[in-house]
Amino acid sequence: MTAPMPPGQDCLQCGRCCERWGWGQKGIAEDLIPWLTSGRQDILRHVSILLADGTKLSGTSLSMADLPRIARIRYWQDPDGKELQYCPFFWRSDDGRSWCRIHDVKPRVCRDFTPWNWKNLEYYGSCPACRDKAP
């Protein structure tokens, strides 16, 4: 469980966190369950899976029965299996604000991202919401 953002330290939707860390992340099997049960092929096609026996799969080839055999999950890949250097669900609107196109079902690594709890100055010093108010 992560600590909520402190009062007065609201996300400004600048997108810097997603642009910097929104790709190349490790996933967990629990993230896949709602995507599998809801038929979210639009998300699963961007997930790379390595099974315990060394078999590599795209999330679109995955079934619920495969979940116990997963050795590694990586976010995000293109539909041909090539690792992406950006999040395919990141979107910037005309007003400059950033949005997650899968916000309601985004992976835990994204949901639990809490830079205000970090001691990592690489991020903390770049976040407009964090920079102005020390946690």
C-alpha atoms as a PDB file:
ATOM      1  CA  MET A   1       0.000   0.000   0.000  1.00  0.00           C
ATOM      2  CA  THR A   2       1.387   3.365  -0.965  1.00  0.00           C
ATOM      3  CA  ALA A   3       0.896   6.619   0.838  1.00  0.00           C
ATOM      4  CA  PRO A   4      -1.503   9.024  -0.855  1.00  0.00           C
ATOM      5  CA  MET A   5      -0.176  12.263  -2.256  1.00  0.00           C
ATOM      6  CA  PRO A   6       0.108  14.786   0.596  1.00  0.00           C
ATOM      7  CA  PRO A   7      -2.460  17.627   0.684  1.00  0.00           C
ATOM      8  CA  GLY A   8      -1.443  20.558  -1.489  1.00  0.00           C
ATOM      9  CA  GLN A   9       0.778  18.348  -3.663  1.00  0.00           C
ATOM     10  CA  ASP A  10      -1.548  17.613  -6.557  1.00  0.00           C
ATOM     11  CA  CYS A  11      -0.449  15.958  -9.771  1.00  0.00           C
ATOM     12  CA  LEU A  12      -0.223  18.561 -12.513  1.00  0.00           C
ATOM     13  CA  GLN A  13      -0.547  15.959 -15.283  1.00  0.00           C
ATOM     14  CA  CYS A  14       2.720  17.113 -16.830  1.00  0.00           C
ATOM     15  CA  GLY A  15       3.466  13.546 -18.011  1.00  0.00           C
ATOM     16  CA  ARG A  16       7.138  13.537 -17.018  1.00  0.00           C
ATOM     17  CA  CYS A  17       6.758  10.383 -14.930  1.00  0.00           C
ATOM     18  CA  CYS A  18       5.121   8.418 -17.759  1.00  0.00           C
ATOM     19  CA  GLU A  19       7.566   9.742 -20.351  1.00  0.00           C
ATOM     20  CA  ARG A  20      10.546   8.717 -18.204  1.00  0.00           C
ATOM     21  CA  TRP A  21       9.320   5.519 -16.510  1.00  0.00           C
ATOM     22  CA  GLY A  22       6.191   4.482 -18.420  1.00  0.00           C
ATOM     23  CA  TRP A  23       7.898   1.667 -20.328  1.00  0.00           C
ATOM     24  CA  GLY A  24      10.316  -1.191 -19.744  1.00  0.00           C
ATOM     25  CA  GLN A  25       8.687  -2.012 -16.426  1.00  0.00           C
ATOM     26  CA  LYS A  26       8.260  -5.431 -14.859  1.00  0.00           C
ATOM     27  CA  GLY A  27       4.701  -6.619 -14.418  1.00  0.00           C
ATOM     28  CA  ILE A  28       2.861  -8.995 -12.130  1.00  0.00           C
ATOM     29  CA  ALA A  29       0.383 -11.747 -12.987  1.00  0.00           C
ATOM     30  CA  GLU A  30      -2.396 -10.006 -11.045  1.00  0.00           C
ATOM     31  CA  ASP A  31      -2.307  -7.160 -13.593  1.00  0.00           C
ATOM     32  CA  LEU A  32      -3.165  -9.601 -16.361  1.00  0.00           C
ATOM     33  CA  ILE A  33      -6.298 -11.068 -14.793  1.00  0.00           C
ATOM     34  CA  PRO A  34      -8.693  -8.163 -15.494  1.00  0.00           C
ATOM     35  CA  TRP A  35      -7.233  -7.756 -18.964  1.00  0.00           C
ATOM     36  CA  LEU A  36      -7.744 -11.457 -19.720  1.00  0.00           C
ATOM     37  CA  THR A  37     -11.242 -11.684 -18.224  1.00  0.00           C
ATOM     38  CA  SER A  38     -12.350  -8.496 -20.001  1.00  0.00           C
ATOM     39  CA  GLY A  39     -10.808  -9.474 -23.325  1.00  0.00           C
ATOM     40  CA  ARG A  40      -8.541  -6.408 -23.361  1.00  0.00           C
ATOM     41  CA  GLN A  41      -6.511  -7.477 -26.388  1.00  0.00           C
ATOM     42  CA  ASP A  42      -5.692  -3.788 -26.935  1.00  0.00           C
ATOM     43  CA  ILE A  43      -3.605  -3.925 -23.745  1.00  0.00           C
ATOM     44  CA  LEU A  44      -2.428  -7.542 -23.910  1.00  0.00           C
ATOM     45  CA  ARG A  45      -0.864  -7.070 -27.350  1.00  0.00           C
ATOM     46  CA  HIS A  46       1.626  -4.718 -25.700  1.00  0.00           C
ATOM     47  CA  VAL A  47       2.675  -7.195 -22.975  1.00  0.00           C
ATOM     48  CA  SER A  48       5.678  -9.515 -23.257  1.00  0.00           C
ATOM     49  CA  ILE A  49       5.547 -12.785 -21.285  1.00  0.00           C
ATOM     50  CA  LEU A  50       8.292 -15.284 -20.487  1.00  0.00           C
ATOM     51  CA  LEU A  51       7.076 -18.621 -19.135  1.00  0.00           C
ATOM     52  CA  ALA A  52       9.098 -20.745 -16.705  1.00  0.00           C
ATOM     53  CA  ASP A  53       9.990 -23.199 -19.496  1.00  0.00           C
ATOM     54  CA  GLY A  54      11.553 -20.389 -21.577  1.00  0.00           C
ATOM     55  CA  THR A  55       8.602 -19.906 -23.939  1.00  0.00           C
ATOM     56  CA  LYS A  56       8.083 -16.271 -24.977  1.00  0.00           C
ATOM     57  CA  LEU A  57       4.529 -15.075 -25.575  1.00  0.00           C
ATOM     58  CA  SER A  58       2.633 -11.949 -26.354  1.00  0.00           C
ATOM     59  CA  GLY A  59      -0.140 -11.237 -23.883  1.00  0.00           C
ATOM     60  CA  THR A  60      -2.645 -11.975 -26.657  1.00  0.00           C
ATOM     61  CA  SER A  61      -1.528 -15.629 -26.651  1.00  0.00           C
ATOM     62  CA  LEU A  62      -1.887 -15.951 -22.894  1.00  0.00           C
ATOM     63  CA  SER A  63      -4.652 -17.832 -21.077  1.00  0.00           C
ATOM     64  CA  MET A  64      -5.635 -17.905 -17.420  1.00  0.00           C
ATOM     65  CA  ALA A  65      -4.107 -21.393 -17.204  1.00  0.00           C
ATOM     66  CA  ASP A  66      -0.699 -19.892 -18.090  1.00  0.00           C
ATOM     67  CA  LEU A  67      -0.600 -17.508 -15.114  1.00  0.00           C
ATOM     68  CA  PRO A  68       1.099 -19.918 -12.657  1.00  0.00           C
ATOM     69  CA  ARG A  69       3.810 -20.619 -15.249  1.00  0.00           C
ATOM     70  CA  ILE A  70       4.845 -16.990 -15.765  1.00  0.00           C
ATOM     71  CA  ALA A  71       8.486 -16.217 -15.010  1.00  0.00           C
ATOM     72  CA  ARG A  72       8.553 -12.602 -16.248  1.00  0.00           C
ATOM     73  CA  ILE A  73       6.206  -9.919 -17.544  1.00  0.00           C
ATOM     74  CA  ARG A  74       7.438  -6.765 -19.286  1.00  0.00           C
ATOM     75  CA  TYR A  75       5.549  -3.630 -20.305  1.00  0.00           C
ATOM     76  CA  TRP A  76       5.399  -2.502 -23.210  1.00  0.00           C
ATOM     77  CA  GLN A  77       6.007  -4.063 -26.648  1.00  0.00           C
ATOM     78  CA  ASP A  78       4.708  -3.341 -30.130  1.00  0.00           C
ATOM     79  CA  PRO A  79       2.352  -5.896 -31.750  1.00  0.00           C
ATOM     80  CA  ASP A  80       5.366  -7.546 -33.447  1.00  0.00           C
ATOM     81  CA  GLY A  81       7.073  -8.186 -30.077  1.00  0.00           C
ATOM     82  CA  LYS A  82       9.682  -5.401 -30.205  1.00  0.00           C
ATOM     83  CA  GLU A  83      10.195  -3.603 -26.892  1.00  0.00           C
ATOM     84  CA  LEU A  84       8.811  -0.069 -26.934  1.00  0.00           C
ATOM     85  CA  GLN A  85      10.676   2.905 -25.489  1.00  0.00           C
ATOM     86  CA  TYR A  86       7.419   4.626 -24.524  1.00  0.00           C
ATOM     87  CA  CYS A  87       4.038   3.736 -23.069  1.00  0.00           C
ATOM     88  CA  PRO A  88       1.495   3.104 -25.856  1.00  0.00           C
ATOM     89  CA  PHE A  89      -1.301   4.337 -23.585  1.00  0.00           C
ATOM     90  CA  PHE A  90       0.242   7.722 -22.800  1.00  0.00           C
ATOM     91  CA  TRP A  91      -1.581  10.599 -24.454  1.00  0.00           C
ATOM     92  CA  ARG A  92      -1.046  14.353 -24.320  1.00  0.00           C
ATOM     93  CA  SER A  93      -4.039  16.564 -25.042  1.00  0.00           C
ATOM     94  CA  ASP A  94      -3.915  19.855 -26.941  1.00  0.00           C
ATOM     95  CA  ASP A  95      -3.807  21.774 -23.650  1.00  0.00           C
ATOM     96  CA  GLY A  96      -0.549  19.985 -22.712  1.00  0.00           C
ATOM     97  CA  ARG A  97      -2.046  17.793 -19.987  1.00  0.00           C
ATOM     98  CA  SER A  98      -1.148  14.102 -19.978  1.00  0.00           C
ATOM     99  CA  TRP A  99      -3.576  11.213 -19.736  1.00  0.00           C
ATOM    100  CA  CYS A 100      -3.477   7.448 -19.342  1.00  0.00           C
ATOM    101  CA  ARG A 101      -5.796   5.777 -21.835  1.00  0.00           C
ATOM    102  CA  ILE A 102      -6.093   2.712 -19.569  1.00  0.00           C
ATOM    103  CA  HIS A 103      -6.256   4.598 -16.269  1.00  0.00           C
ATOM    104  CA  ASP A 104      -9.014   2.422 -14.767  1.00  0.00           C
ATOM    105  CA  VAL A 105      -7.058  -0.803 -15.427  1.00  0.00           C
ATOM    106  CA  LYS A 106      -3.448   0.339 -15.565  1.00  0.00           C
ATOM    107  CA  PRO A 107      -0.797  -1.984 -14.114  1.00  0.00           C
ATOM    108  CA  ARG A 108       0.189  -1.879 -10.459  1.00  0.00           C
ATOM    109  CA  VAL A 109       3.631  -0.444 -11.239  1.00  0.00           C
ATOM    110  CA  CYS A 110       1.821   2.628 -12.593  1.00  0.00           C
ATOM    111  CA  ARG A 111      -0.917   2.768  -9.932  1.00  0.00           C
ATOM    112  CA  ASP A 112       1.639   2.553  -7.131  1.00  0.00           C
ATOM    113  CA  PHE A 113       4.037   5.140  -8.557  1.00  0.00           C
ATOM    114  CA  THR A 114       4.545   7.604  -5.694  1.00  0.00           C
ATOM    115  CA  PRO A 115       7.471   9.959  -6.332  1.00  0.00           C
ATOM    116  CA  TRP A 116       6.608  12.003  -3.235  1.00  0.00           C
ATOM    117  CA  ASN A 117       7.711   8.992  -1.155  1.00  0.00           C
ATOM    118  CA  TRP A 118      10.991   8.551  -3.013  1.00  0.00           C
ATOM    119  CA  LYS A 119      14.461   9.657  -2.127  1.00  0.00           C
ATOM    120  CA  ASN A 120      15.271   9.496  -5.855  1.00  0.00           C
ATOM    121  CA  LEU A 121      16.291  13.017  -6.793  1.00  0.00           C
ATOM    122  CA  GLU A 122      16.341  12.176 -10.500  1.00  0.00           C
ATOM    123  CA  TYR A 123      12.559  12.145 -10.441  1.00  0.00           C
ATOM    124  CA  TYR A 124      11.732  14.276  -7.451  1.00  0.00           C
ATOM    125  CA  GLY A 125      13.714  17.201  -8.824  1.00  0.00           C
ATOM    126  CA  SER A 126      11.864  17.011 -12.145  1.00  0.00           C
ATOM    127  CA  CYS A 127       8.301  16.731 -10.853  1.00  0.00           C
ATOM    128  CA  PRO A 128       6.621  20.164 -10.795  1.00  0.00           C
ATOM    129  CA  ALA A 129       4.156  19.007  -8.128  1.00  0.00           C
ATOM    130  CA  CYS A 130       6.915  17.578  -5.907  1.00  0.00           C
ATOM    131  CA  ARG A 131       9.550  20.236  -6.528  1.00  0.00           C
ATOM    132  CA  ASP A 132       7.488  23.023  -5.016  1.00  0.00           C
ATOM    133  CA  LYS A 133       6.484  21.156  -1.870  1.00  0.00           C
ATOM    134  CA  ALA A 134       8.861  18.872  -0.033  1.00  0.00           C
ATOM    135  CA  PRO A 135       7.078  15.758   1.197  1.00  0.00           C
END
